[in-house]
N, C-alpha and C. Protein backbone atom coordinates (compact mmCIF):
# COMPACT_ATOMS: atom_id res chain seq x y z
N UNK A 1 -134.07 -37.09 56.08
CA UNK A 1 -133.05 -36.83 56.75
C UNK A 1 -133.21 -37.51 58.41
N UNK A 2 -132.16 -38.37 58.59
CA UNK A 2 -132.28 -38.91 59.80
C UNK A 2 -131.14 -39.01 60.79
N UNK A 3 -131.26 -38.45 62.11
CA UNK A 3 -130.05 -38.57 63.05
C UNK A 3 -129.82 -39.90 63.50
N UNK A 4 -128.42 -40.34 62.96
CA UNK A 4 -128.28 -42.09 63.46
C UNK A 4 -127.43 -41.81 64.72
N UNK A 5 -126.57 -40.95 65.22
CA UNK A 5 -125.55 -40.98 66.36
C UNK A 5 -125.60 -39.57 66.39
N UNK A 6 -125.32 -39.16 67.91
CA UNK A 6 -124.81 -37.95 68.73
C UNK A 6 -124.12 -37.83 69.76
N UNK A 7 -123.14 -37.13 69.85
CA UNK A 7 -122.82 -36.77 71.20
C UNK A 7 -122.90 -35.02 71.63
N UNK A 8 -122.19 -34.82 72.36
CA UNK A 8 -122.49 -33.12 72.67
C UNK A 8 -121.75 -32.38 71.60
N UNK A 9 -120.49 -32.88 70.99
CA UNK A 9 -120.05 -32.09 70.23
C UNK A 9 -119.93 -32.75 68.42
N UNK A 10 -120.59 -33.83 67.97
CA UNK A 10 -120.77 -34.29 67.02
C UNK A 10 -122.01 -34.96 66.78
N UNK A 11 -122.56 -34.85 65.59
CA UNK A 11 -123.42 -35.61 64.88
C UNK A 11 -123.65 -36.20 63.77
N UNK A 12 -124.34 -37.49 63.54
CA UNK A 12 -124.28 -38.13 62.22
C UNK A 12 -125.58 -38.20 61.72
N UNK A 13 -125.70 -37.79 60.48
CA UNK A 13 -127.27 -37.86 59.53
C UNK A 13 -127.11 -38.38 58.59
N UNK A 14 -128.27 -39.28 58.23
CA UNK A 14 -128.13 -40.38 56.91
C UNK A 14 -129.17 -39.66 56.27
N UNK A 15 -129.37 -39.84 54.76
CA UNK A 15 -130.19 -39.25 53.89
C UNK A 15 -130.42 -37.68 53.81
N UNK A 16 -128.93 -37.00 53.92
CA UNK A 16 -129.30 -35.61 53.73
C UNK A 16 -129.18 -35.32 52.22
N UNK A 17 -127.97 -35.84 51.41
CA UNK A 17 -127.98 -35.32 50.24
C UNK A 17 -128.40 -36.60 49.19
N UNK A 18 -129.40 -36.26 48.46
CA UNK A 18 -129.71 -37.43 47.46
C UNK A 18 -128.72 -38.04 46.52
N UNK A 19 -129.00 -39.45 46.28
CA UNK A 19 -127.82 -40.10 45.39
C UNK A 19 -127.65 -39.31 43.93
N UNK A 20 -128.73 -38.67 43.52
CA UNK A 20 -128.25 -37.97 42.32
C UNK A 20 -127.83 -36.97 42.47
N UNK A 21 -127.54 -36.12 43.35
CA UNK A 21 -127.04 -34.88 43.72
C UNK A 21 -125.52 -35.27 44.05
N UNK A 22 -125.20 -36.35 44.62
CA UNK A 22 -123.67 -36.97 44.92
C UNK A 22 -123.35 -36.93 43.75
N UNK A 23 -123.96 -37.73 42.89
CA UNK A 23 -123.37 -38.10 41.55
C UNK A 23 -123.22 -37.24 40.86
N UNK A 24 -123.81 -35.81 40.78
CA UNK A 24 -123.76 -34.73 40.14
C UNK A 24 -122.39 -34.06 40.70
N UNK A 25 -122.10 -34.11 41.89
CA UNK A 25 -121.26 -32.96 42.46
C UNK A 25 -120.03 -34.11 41.94
N UNK A 26 -119.90 -35.54 42.07
CA UNK A 26 -118.75 -36.12 41.35
C UNK A 26 -118.50 -36.01 40.00
N UNK A 27 -119.51 -35.84 39.30
CA UNK A 27 -119.27 -35.70 37.87
C UNK A 27 -118.77 -34.28 37.49
N UNK A 28 -119.34 -33.16 38.28
CA UNK A 28 -119.12 -31.52 38.01
C UNK A 28 -117.39 -31.62 38.45
N UNK A 29 -117.02 -32.30 39.37
CA UNK A 29 -115.59 -32.30 40.33
C UNK A 29 -114.53 -32.91 39.52
N UNK A 30 -114.80 -33.75 38.99
CA UNK A 30 -113.66 -34.80 38.21
C UNK A 30 -112.86 -33.86 37.47
N UNK A 31 -113.05 -33.40 36.56
CA UNK A 31 -112.00 -32.74 35.70
C UNK A 31 -111.31 -31.45 36.38
N UNK A 32 -111.71 -31.10 37.79
CA UNK A 32 -111.10 -29.97 38.21
C UNK A 32 -110.14 -30.16 39.29
N UNK A 33 -110.16 -31.72 39.47
CA UNK A 33 -108.94 -32.19 40.66
C UNK A 33 -107.80 -31.76 40.75
N UNK A 34 -107.23 -31.49 41.58
CA UNK A 34 -105.56 -31.34 41.56
C UNK A 34 -105.10 -31.90 42.89
N UNK A 35 -103.55 -32.43 42.99
CA UNK A 35 -103.31 -33.18 43.85
C UNK A 35 -103.21 -32.15 45.09
N UNK A 36 -103.21 -32.76 46.36
CA UNK A 36 -103.11 -32.04 47.90
C UNK A 36 -102.05 -32.04 47.97
N UNK A 37 -101.61 -30.41 48.47
CA UNK A 37 -100.53 -30.23 49.08
C UNK A 37 -100.18 -31.06 50.09
N UNK A 38 -98.48 -31.07 50.13
CA UNK A 38 -98.21 -31.86 51.35
C UNK A 38 -97.61 -31.24 52.58
N UNK A 39 -98.37 -29.97 52.79
CA UNK A 39 -97.65 -28.81 53.98
C UNK A 39 -98.92 -29.34 55.21
N UNK A 40 -99.29 -30.55 54.87
CA UNK A 40 -101.01 -30.31 56.08
C UNK A 40 -100.49 -31.36 57.28
N UNK A 41 -99.24 -31.62 57.28
CA UNK A 41 -98.97 -32.46 58.55
C UNK A 41 -98.98 -31.51 59.75
N UNK A 42 -99.25 -31.75 60.92
CA UNK A 42 -98.81 -31.37 62.39
C UNK A 42 -97.42 -31.00 62.43
N UNK A 43 -97.18 -30.22 63.32
CA UNK A 43 -95.85 -29.84 63.50
C UNK A 43 -94.99 -31.03 64.22
N UNK A 44 -94.02 -31.13 63.48
CA UNK A 44 -93.18 -32.58 64.30
C UNK A 44 -93.52 -33.75 63.52
N UNK A 45 -94.71 -33.63 62.61
CA UNK A 45 -94.59 -35.01 61.61
C UNK A 45 -93.81 -34.63 60.41
N UNK A 46 -93.31 -35.66 59.57
CA UNK A 46 -92.83 -35.77 58.32
C UNK A 46 -94.20 -35.40 57.33
N UNK A 47 -94.07 -34.42 56.52
CA UNK A 47 -95.41 -34.36 55.62
C UNK A 47 -95.26 -35.45 54.58
N UNK A 48 -94.51 -35.73 53.90
CA UNK A 48 -94.97 -36.91 52.99
C UNK A 48 -95.83 -37.65 53.16
N UNK A 49 -96.80 -37.76 52.31
CA UNK A 49 -97.95 -38.61 52.41
C UNK A 49 -98.98 -38.99 53.44
N UNK A 50 -98.51 -37.68 54.36
CA UNK A 50 -99.49 -37.40 55.68
C UNK A 50 -101.06 -36.98 55.24
N UNK A 51 -101.06 -36.46 53.88
CA UNK A 51 -102.56 -36.46 52.94
C UNK A 51 -102.17 -36.82 51.56
N UNK A 52 -103.04 -37.73 51.43
CA UNK A 52 -102.47 -38.31 49.78
C UNK A 52 -103.55 -38.56 49.53
N UNK A 53 -104.21 -37.48 48.37
CA UNK A 53 -105.67 -37.45 47.81
C UNK A 53 -105.59 -36.33 46.72
N UNK A 54 -106.74 -36.23 46.22
CA UNK A 54 -106.99 -34.96 45.08
C UNK A 54 -108.27 -33.98 45.29
N UNK A 55 -108.17 -33.04 45.05
CA UNK A 55 -109.06 -32.30 45.82
C UNK A 55 -109.24 -30.82 44.41
N UNK A 56 -110.55 -30.63 44.75
CA UNK A 56 -111.01 -29.11 44.14
C UNK A 56 -112.10 -28.31 44.89
N UNK A 57 -111.87 -27.24 44.98
CA UNK A 57 -113.01 -26.27 45.58
C UNK A 57 -113.94 -25.70 44.33
N UNK A 58 -115.24 -25.86 45.00
CA UNK A 58 -116.41 -25.49 44.14
C UNK A 58 -116.53 -23.74 44.71
N UNK A 59 -116.70 -22.61 43.67
CA UNK A 59 -117.26 -21.27 43.80
C UNK A 59 -118.28 -21.24 44.85
N UNK A 60 -118.22 -20.25 45.59
CA UNK A 60 -119.12 -19.95 46.28
C UNK A 60 -120.23 -19.32 45.57
N UNK A 61 -121.48 -19.77 46.09
CA UNK A 61 -122.67 -18.96 45.64
C UNK A 61 -123.14 -19.74 44.22
N UNK A 62 -122.31 -20.57 44.01
CA UNK A 62 -122.72 -21.07 42.70
C UNK A 62 -123.97 -22.54 42.68
N UNK A 63 -124.69 -22.46 41.38
CA UNK A 63 -125.76 -23.48 41.75
C UNK A 63 -125.07 -24.43 42.42
N UNK A 64 -123.94 -25.21 41.84
CA UNK A 64 -124.15 -26.65 42.25
C UNK A 64 -123.73 -26.73 43.67
N UNK A 65 -123.34 -25.87 44.56
CA UNK A 65 -123.12 -26.08 45.89
C UNK A 65 -124.37 -25.27 47.00
N UNK A 66 -125.42 -25.10 46.22
CA UNK A 66 -126.37 -24.28 46.76
C UNK A 66 -126.92 -25.69 48.07
N UNK A 67 -127.19 -26.79 47.32
CA UNK A 67 -127.71 -28.00 48.31
C UNK A 67 -126.94 -28.16 49.46
N UNK A 68 -125.69 -28.09 49.21
CA UNK A 68 -124.69 -28.50 50.10
C UNK A 68 -124.77 -27.54 50.84
N UNK A 69 -124.71 -26.28 50.65
CA UNK A 69 -124.76 -25.19 51.90
C UNK A 69 -125.83 -25.20 52.77
N UNK A 70 -127.07 -25.35 51.74
CA UNK A 70 -128.32 -25.33 52.60
C UNK A 70 -128.59 -26.14 53.93
N UNK A 71 -127.81 -27.80 53.41
CA UNK A 71 -127.86 -28.65 54.08
C UNK A 71 -126.88 -28.52 55.65
N UNK A 72 -125.66 -27.78 54.83
CA UNK A 72 -124.94 -27.43 56.01
C UNK A 72 -125.15 -26.27 57.20
N UNK A 73 -126.23 -25.53 56.62
CA UNK A 73 -126.62 -24.09 57.26
C UNK A 73 -127.62 -24.64 58.13
N UNK A 74 -128.61 -25.84 57.76
CA UNK A 74 -129.56 -26.33 58.49
C UNK A 74 -129.18 -27.05 59.82
N UNK A 75 -128.17 -27.75 59.42
CA UNK A 75 -127.95 -28.87 60.22
C UNK A 75 -126.80 -28.24 61.48
N UNK A 76 -125.96 -27.27 61.01
CA UNK A 76 -125.21 -26.41 61.88
C UNK A 76 -125.59 -25.16 62.89
N UNK A 77 -126.94 -24.73 61.93
CA UNK A 77 -127.36 -23.62 62.57
C UNK A 77 -126.23 -22.78 62.58
N UNK A 78 -125.16 -22.23 61.52
CA UNK A 78 -124.47 -20.89 61.43
C UNK A 78 -124.21 -20.87 59.66
N UNK A 79 -124.59 -19.45 59.75
CA UNK A 79 -125.00 -18.91 58.84
C UNK A 79 -123.83 -19.03 57.79
N UNK A 80 -124.10 -19.72 56.23
CA UNK A 80 -123.25 -19.81 55.27
C UNK A 80 -122.12 -19.08 54.99
N UNK A 81 -122.53 -17.64 55.38
CA UNK A 81 -121.26 -16.52 55.17
C UNK A 81 -119.95 -16.81 55.97
N UNK A 82 -120.18 -17.85 56.61
CA UNK A 82 -119.01 -18.37 57.39
C UNK A 82 -118.04 -19.42 56.84
N UNK A 83 -118.73 -20.21 56.07
CA UNK A 83 -118.03 -21.21 55.18
C UNK A 83 -117.09 -20.92 54.34
N UNK A 84 -115.91 -21.82 54.44
CA UNK A 84 -115.24 -21.72 53.17
C UNK A 84 -115.60 -22.31 52.09
N UNK A 85 -115.06 -21.86 50.77
CA UNK A 85 -115.38 -22.65 50.04
C UNK A 85 -115.39 -24.21 49.67
N UNK A 86 -116.79 -24.98 49.32
CA UNK A 86 -116.72 -26.26 49.33
C UNK A 86 -115.62 -26.90 48.77
N UNK A 87 -114.88 -27.94 49.44
CA UNK A 87 -113.89 -28.80 49.17
C UNK A 87 -114.39 -30.24 48.73
N UNK A 88 -114.19 -30.55 47.51
CA UNK A 88 -114.36 -32.08 47.11
C UNK A 88 -113.11 -32.72 47.00
N UNK A 89 -113.19 -33.73 47.71
CA UNK A 89 -111.91 -34.49 47.48
C UNK A 89 -111.98 -35.93 47.33
N UNK A 90 -110.91 -36.38 46.42
CA UNK A 90 -111.23 -37.95 45.92
C UNK A 90 -109.94 -38.67 46.69
N UNK A 91 -110.37 -39.75 47.44
CA UNK A 91 -109.29 -40.82 47.94
C UNK A 91 -109.33 -41.81 46.85
N UNK A 92 -108.01 -42.37 46.50
CA UNK A 92 -107.99 -43.77 45.51
C UNK A 92 -107.54 -44.68 46.37
N UNK A 93 -107.42 -45.77 45.88
CA UNK A 93 -106.90 -47.00 46.91
C UNK A 93 -105.77 -46.60 47.43
N UNK A 94 -105.42 -46.74 48.58
CA UNK A 94 -104.45 -46.57 49.30
C UNK A 94 -104.21 -45.52 49.81
N UNK A 95 -104.86 -44.28 49.35
CA UNK A 95 -104.73 -43.01 49.72
C UNK A 95 -105.58 -42.92 51.20
N UNK A 96 -105.13 -41.78 51.92
CA UNK A 96 -105.58 -41.80 53.48
C UNK A 96 -105.52 -40.47 53.73
N UNK A 97 -105.91 -39.74 54.81
CA UNK A 97 -105.49 -38.68 55.74
C UNK A 97 -105.19 -38.99 57.00
N UNK A 98 -104.07 -39.05 57.24
CA UNK A 98 -103.47 -39.57 58.86
C UNK A 98 -103.93 -38.34 60.01
N UNK A 99 -103.85 -38.81 61.04
CA UNK A 99 -104.81 -38.04 61.91
C UNK A 99 -104.23 -36.51 62.06
N UNK A 100 -105.36 -35.74 62.49
CA UNK A 100 -105.19 -34.50 62.13
C UNK A 100 -106.41 -33.73 62.90
N UNK A 101 -106.28 -32.57 63.27
CA UNK A 101 -107.14 -31.68 63.36
C UNK A 101 -107.50 -30.43 62.58
N UNK A 102 -108.99 -30.28 62.02
CA UNK A 102 -109.47 -29.16 61.53
C UNK A 102 -109.06 -27.82 61.95
N UNK A 103 -108.96 -27.45 63.14
CA UNK A 103 -108.83 -26.41 63.78
C UNK A 103 -107.32 -25.61 63.26
N UNK A 104 -107.17 -24.54 63.49
CA UNK A 104 -105.48 -24.00 62.83
C UNK A 104 -104.99 -23.84 64.42
N UNK A 105 -103.75 -24.74 64.13
CA UNK A 105 -102.88 -24.71 65.32
C UNK A 105 -102.24 -23.66 65.27
N UNK A 106 -101.98 -23.04 66.78
CA UNK A 106 -101.29 -21.98 66.77
C UNK A 106 -99.82 -22.09 66.60
N UNK A 107 -99.42 -23.67 66.62
CA UNK A 107 -97.74 -23.78 66.25
C UNK A 107 -97.78 -23.50 64.51
N UNK A 108 -98.55 -23.39 64.03
CA UNK A 108 -98.58 -23.75 62.42
C UNK A 108 -98.09 -22.16 61.98
N UNK A 109 -96.84 -22.10 60.92
CA UNK A 109 -96.18 -21.06 60.61
C UNK A 109 -97.66 -20.18 59.73
N UNK A 110 -98.82 -20.81 59.38
CA UNK A 110 -99.61 -19.96 58.70
C UNK A 110 -100.97 -19.81 59.68
N UNK A 111 -100.63 -19.62 60.78
CA UNK A 111 -101.69 -19.62 62.14
C UNK A 111 -102.20 -18.17 61.65
N UNK A 112 -101.57 -17.14 62.04
CA UNK A 112 -102.06 -15.35 61.85
C UNK A 112 -102.84 -15.30 60.39
N UNK A 113 -102.18 -15.76 59.44
CA UNK A 113 -102.67 -15.35 58.19
C UNK A 113 -104.00 -16.10 57.80
N UNK A 114 -104.25 -17.40 58.39
CA UNK A 114 -105.38 -18.04 57.96
C UNK A 114 -106.42 -17.62 58.82
N UNK A 115 -106.16 -16.98 60.09
CA UNK A 115 -107.23 -16.25 61.03
C UNK A 115 -107.94 -15.07 60.29
N UNK A 116 -107.07 -14.34 59.58
CA UNK A 116 -107.38 -13.19 59.00
C UNK A 116 -108.54 -13.41 58.08
N UNK A 117 -108.62 -14.51 57.46
CA UNK A 117 -109.64 -14.86 56.27
C UNK A 117 -111.29 -15.26 57.01
N UNK A 118 -111.36 -15.19 58.34
CA UNK A 118 -112.59 -15.56 59.08
C UNK A 118 -112.13 -16.00 60.26
N UNK A 119 -111.33 -16.20 60.96
CA UNK A 119 -111.10 -16.36 62.30
C UNK A 119 -110.89 -18.00 62.24
N UNK A 120 -110.85 -19.05 63.12
CA UNK A 120 -110.35 -20.38 63.34
C UNK A 120 -111.81 -21.22 62.74
N UNK A 121 -111.41 -22.41 62.39
CA UNK A 121 -112.64 -23.34 61.93
C UNK A 121 -113.23 -23.84 63.36
N UNK A 122 -114.33 -23.22 63.57
CA UNK A 122 -115.11 -23.92 64.65
C UNK A 122 -115.98 -25.21 64.54
N UNK A 123 -116.18 -25.65 62.98
CA UNK A 123 -116.85 -26.55 62.78
C UNK A 123 -116.51 -27.35 61.86
N UNK A 124 -116.89 -28.53 61.25
CA UNK A 124 -116.85 -29.06 60.06
C UNK A 124 -118.17 -29.83 59.66
N UNK A 125 -118.57 -29.94 58.36
CA UNK A 125 -119.55 -30.54 58.07
C UNK A 125 -118.78 -31.56 56.90
N UNK A 126 -119.12 -32.83 57.17
CA UNK A 126 -118.34 -33.69 55.79
C UNK A 126 -119.45 -34.59 55.45
N UNK A 127 -119.75 -34.55 53.93
CA UNK A 127 -120.55 -35.26 53.19
C UNK A 127 -119.94 -36.33 52.50
N UNK A 128 -120.65 -37.63 52.63
CA UNK A 128 -120.06 -38.89 51.90
C UNK A 128 -120.59 -38.81 50.62
N UNK A 129 -119.95 -38.75 49.63
CA UNK A 129 -120.82 -39.04 48.08
C UNK A 129 -120.81 -40.06 47.52
N UNK A 130 -120.34 -40.87 47.90
CA UNK A 130 -120.41 -42.52 47.37
C UNK A 130 -120.08 -43.43 48.69
N UNK A 131 -120.22 -44.43 48.22
CA UNK A 131 -120.06 -45.88 49.23
C UNK A 131 -119.54 -47.18 48.75
N UNK A 132 -119.35 -47.25 47.43
CA UNK A 132 -119.09 -48.28 46.59
C UNK A 132 -117.31 -48.49 46.49
N UNK A 133 -117.15 -48.71 47.56
CA UNK A 133 -115.50 -48.74 47.95
C UNK A 133 -115.32 -49.16 49.15
N UNK A 134 -114.14 -49.85 49.57
CA UNK A 134 -113.96 -50.62 50.67
C UNK A 134 -112.86 -49.47 51.60
N UNK A 135 -112.87 -49.67 53.01
CA UNK A 135 -112.05 -49.03 54.01
C UNK A 135 -112.80 -47.71 53.87
N UNK A 136 -111.70 -46.34 54.01
CA UNK A 136 -111.95 -45.08 54.04
C UNK A 136 -112.98 -44.65 55.01
N UNK A 137 -112.94 -45.33 56.45
CA UNK A 137 -113.82 -44.90 57.58
C UNK A 137 -113.24 -43.46 57.97
N UNK A 138 -114.09 -42.63 58.50
CA UNK A 138 -113.36 -41.51 59.13
C UNK A 138 -113.18 -41.98 60.49
N UNK A 139 -111.98 -41.86 61.28
CA UNK A 139 -111.61 -42.21 62.70
C UNK A 139 -111.45 -41.25 63.62
N UNK A 140 -112.37 -40.91 64.64
CA UNK A 140 -112.33 -40.42 65.81
C UNK A 140 -110.97 -40.84 66.91
N UNK A 141 -109.90 -40.60 66.71
CA UNK A 141 -108.80 -41.80 67.44
C UNK A 141 -109.42 -41.12 69.34
N UNK A 142 -109.47 -40.26 69.62
CA UNK A 142 -109.67 -39.81 71.01
C UNK A 142 -111.18 -40.40 71.48
N UNK A 143 -112.14 -40.81 70.56
CA UNK A 143 -113.30 -41.50 71.28
C UNK A 143 -113.14 -43.15 71.11
N UNK A 144 -112.28 -43.68 71.79
CA UNK A 144 -112.10 -45.34 71.43
C UNK A 144 -111.98 -45.52 69.99
N UNK A 145 -111.38 -44.70 69.28
CA UNK A 145 -111.23 -45.18 67.76
C UNK A 145 -112.62 -45.26 66.91
N UNK A 146 -113.89 -44.65 67.08
CA UNK A 146 -115.09 -44.21 66.68
C UNK A 146 -114.57 -44.33 65.14
N UNK A 147 -115.09 -45.20 64.63
CA UNK A 147 -115.11 -45.24 63.10
C UNK A 147 -116.46 -45.27 62.38
N UNK A 148 -116.68 -43.80 61.51
CA UNK A 148 -117.92 -43.50 60.93
C UNK A 148 -117.63 -44.13 59.49
N UNK A 149 -118.59 -45.01 59.04
CA UNK A 149 -118.84 -45.59 57.83
C UNK A 149 -119.15 -44.93 56.92
N UNK A 150 -118.51 -44.35 56.03
CA UNK A 150 -119.01 -43.68 54.76
C UNK A 150 -120.41 -44.51 54.30
N UNK A 151 -121.29 -43.49 54.00
CA UNK A 151 -122.45 -44.01 53.09
C UNK A 151 -122.94 -42.86 52.56
N UNK A 152 -123.48 -43.38 51.35
CA UNK A 152 -123.84 -42.05 50.06
C UNK A 152 -124.98 -41.23 51.11
N UNK A 153 -124.64 -39.90 50.74
CA UNK A 153 -125.63 -38.89 51.53
C UNK A 153 -125.71 -38.56 52.39
N UNK A 154 -124.78 -39.28 53.52
CA UNK A 154 -124.58 -39.33 54.70
C UNK A 154 -123.63 -38.00 55.22
N UNK A 155 -124.15 -37.37 56.42
CA UNK A 155 -123.20 -36.02 56.81
C UNK A 155 -122.65 -36.30 58.15
N UNK A 156 -121.53 -35.74 58.28
CA UNK A 156 -120.94 -36.18 59.82
C UNK A 156 -120.72 -34.17 60.03
N UNK A 157 -121.20 -34.06 61.03
CA UNK A 157 -120.74 -32.69 61.60
C UNK A 157 -120.21 -32.38 62.92
N UNK A 158 -119.08 -31.53 63.08
CA UNK A 158 -118.55 -31.82 64.71
C UNK A 158 -118.07 -30.59 64.89
N UNK A 159 -117.76 -30.37 66.20
CA UNK A 159 -116.98 -28.78 66.53
C UNK A 159 -115.89 -29.11 66.71
N UNK A 160 -114.70 -28.15 66.16
CA UNK A 160 -113.39 -28.53 66.43
C UNK A 160 -113.31 -27.52 67.57
N UNK A 161 -113.74 -26.39 67.89
CA UNK A 161 -113.82 -25.59 69.17
C UNK A 161 -114.98 -25.78 69.90
N UNK A 162 -114.75 -25.46 71.17
CA UNK A 162 -115.81 -25.75 72.53
C UNK A 162 -115.84 -24.28 72.86
N UNK A 163 -116.97 -23.83 73.34
CA UNK A 163 -117.31 -22.71 74.08
C UNK A 163 -117.02 -22.73 75.51
N UNK A 164 -116.41 -21.98 76.06
CA UNK A 164 -116.08 -22.08 77.56
C UNK A 164 -116.26 -20.50 78.07
N UNK A 165 -116.60 -20.74 79.11
CA UNK A 165 -116.96 -19.20 79.97
C UNK A 165 -115.76 -19.34 81.04
N UNK A 166 -115.18 -18.24 81.04
CA UNK A 166 -113.83 -17.84 81.67
C UNK A 166 -113.97 -16.46 82.60
N UNK A 167 -114.17 -16.81 83.77
CA UNK A 167 -114.71 -15.24 84.47
C UNK A 167 -115.54 -14.44 83.86
N UNK A 168 -116.64 -15.31 83.54
CA UNK A 168 -117.82 -14.27 82.88
C UNK A 168 -117.79 -13.91 81.09
N UNK A 169 -116.41 -14.48 80.53
CA UNK A 169 -116.10 -13.94 79.37
C UNK A 169 -116.29 -15.56 78.37
N UNK A 170 -116.64 -15.12 77.07
CA UNK A 170 -116.91 -16.55 76.48
C UNK A 170 -115.45 -16.67 75.63
N UNK A 171 -115.10 -18.20 75.87
CA UNK A 171 -113.68 -18.47 75.23
C UNK A 171 -113.83 -19.61 74.38
N UNK A 172 -113.32 -19.59 72.97
CA UNK A 172 -113.36 -20.97 72.31
C UNK A 172 -112.00 -21.48 72.67
N UNK A 173 -112.35 -22.86 73.11
CA UNK A 173 -111.05 -23.68 73.29
C UNK A 173 -110.76 -25.17 72.51
N UNK A 174 -109.71 -25.30 71.91
CA UNK A 174 -109.55 -26.38 70.93
C UNK A 174 -110.51 -27.74 71.60
N UNK A 175 -110.90 -28.21 70.46
CA UNK A 175 -111.54 -29.83 70.99
C UNK A 175 -110.78 -30.84 70.70
N UNK A 176 -110.10 -31.14 71.40
CA UNK A 176 -108.90 -32.17 71.33
C UNK A 176 -109.73 -33.56 70.85
N UNK A 177 -110.68 -33.94 71.32
CA UNK A 177 -111.28 -35.05 71.05
C UNK A 177 -111.64 -35.30 69.27
N UNK A 178 -111.89 -33.99 68.85
CA UNK A 178 -112.04 -33.82 67.35
C UNK A 178 -110.84 -34.46 66.42
N UNK A 179 -110.02 -34.81 67.32
CA UNK A 179 -108.71 -35.32 66.69
C UNK A 179 -109.11 -36.39 65.64
N UNK A 180 -109.08 -36.77 64.21
CA UNK A 180 -109.56 -37.43 63.41
C UNK A 180 -108.35 -37.81 62.27
N UNK A 181 -108.66 -38.90 61.73
CA UNK A 181 -108.24 -39.27 60.22
C UNK A 181 -109.07 -39.78 59.28
N UNK A 182 -108.75 -39.82 58.08
CA UNK A 182 -109.41 -40.65 57.11
C UNK A 182 -108.44 -41.67 56.76
N UNK A 183 -108.98 -43.00 57.09
CA UNK A 183 -108.55 -44.58 57.26
C UNK A 183 -108.35 -44.71 55.70
N UNK A 184 -107.28 -45.41 55.39
CA UNK A 184 -106.98 -45.76 53.88
C UNK A 184 -108.39 -46.40 52.97
N UNK A 185 -108.03 -46.21 51.79
CA UNK A 185 -109.09 -46.69 51.04
C UNK A 185 -108.91 -48.16 50.67
N UNK A 186 -109.29 -49.00 50.90
CA UNK A 186 -108.96 -50.32 50.47
C UNK A 186 -109.04 -50.68 48.95
N UNK A 187 -110.20 -50.42 48.53
CA UNK A 187 -110.30 -50.32 46.87
C UNK A 187 -111.43 -49.66 46.50
N UNK A 188 -111.20 -49.23 45.26
CA UNK A 188 -112.31 -48.42 44.67
C UNK A 188 -111.86 -46.68 44.94
N UNK A 189 -112.91 -45.75 44.80
CA UNK A 189 -112.22 -44.76 45.21
C UNK A 189 -113.43 -43.97 46.25
N UNK A 190 -113.00 -43.11 47.20
CA UNK A 190 -113.64 -42.43 48.11
C UNK A 190 -113.84 -40.92 47.61
N UNK A 191 -115.49 -40.72 47.62
CA UNK A 191 -115.53 -39.10 47.31
C UNK A 191 -116.17 -38.21 48.57
N UNK A 192 -115.90 -37.11 48.88
CA UNK A 192 -116.40 -36.57 49.98
C UNK A 192 -116.64 -35.01 49.69
N UNK A 193 -117.21 -34.29 49.94
CA UNK A 193 -117.40 -32.97 50.25
C UNK A 193 -117.45 -32.33 51.51
N UNK A 194 -116.43 -31.28 51.73
CA UNK A 194 -116.38 -30.92 53.21
C UNK A 194 -116.68 -29.48 53.02
N UNK A 195 -117.40 -28.92 54.20
CA UNK A 195 -117.79 -27.82 54.66
C UNK A 195 -116.62 -27.33 55.73
N UNK A 196 -115.41 -26.58 55.75
CA UNK A 196 -115.20 -26.08 56.85
C UNK A 196 -115.75 -24.70 57.26
N UNK A 197 -115.96 -24.39 58.74
CA UNK A 197 -116.63 -23.44 59.00
C UNK A 197 -116.14 -22.49 59.91
N UNK A 198 -115.89 -21.16 59.82
CA UNK A 198 -115.10 -20.18 60.45
C UNK A 198 -115.98 -19.63 61.70
N UNK A 199 -115.34 -18.70 62.40
CA UNK A 199 -115.70 -18.23 63.60
C UNK A 199 -116.91 -16.85 62.93
N UNK A 200 -116.35 -16.36 61.75
CA UNK A 200 -116.71 -15.21 61.41
C UNK A 200 -116.85 -15.39 59.76
N UNK A 201 -117.57 -14.31 59.08
CA UNK A 201 -117.56 -14.51 58.01
C UNK A 201 -116.52 -14.87 56.99
N UNK A 202 -116.43 -15.68 56.29
CA UNK A 202 -114.83 -15.96 55.95
C UNK A 202 -114.92 -15.70 54.32
N UNK A 203 -113.38 -15.31 53.87
CA UNK A 203 -113.40 -14.63 52.71
C UNK A 203 -112.65 -15.52 51.66
N UNK A 204 -112.37 -16.78 52.05
CA UNK A 204 -112.22 -18.09 51.28
C UNK A 204 -113.13 -18.49 50.30
């Protein structure tokens, strides 16, 4: 495991997952994929084609996700009980996820319901499961369009919410700099595993 890039709110590590384990996750998930819902666009955006990919969720506490949970727990220093179920996502040629934030926006119609399952998403751990494709970089738009190039076994972690003290009280504020996109895949297929991490114990 090697730290290759960091700031005060995100880090990039290489050699987090073995190639064999990445392949195992892809093989295991292939038959479980379903089409992403189209209601994920931020308010004011037409949702069609905002997120084009296929996804599945892996059961918590299953053997297949143990190494992922262990790595995310170690890198983020957050207990795995705060993790949502692991999301495995496949992007085929031409597919993408347009600019978005991972935290739950107060303007979303599902905001209050989502908070009930563990609070907001304070952090994200994104694992690249392959790199034999073109395009598909993770771009942080507010950071001079910083592009994180996919690399098999690489993990990117970032804070969606930042802690701030207001009159002596701890407050979590939205990290606007975490606004990011999954750029279009130009050739091949891109596979990622995502751990969305909540403020509290997550029931999803």
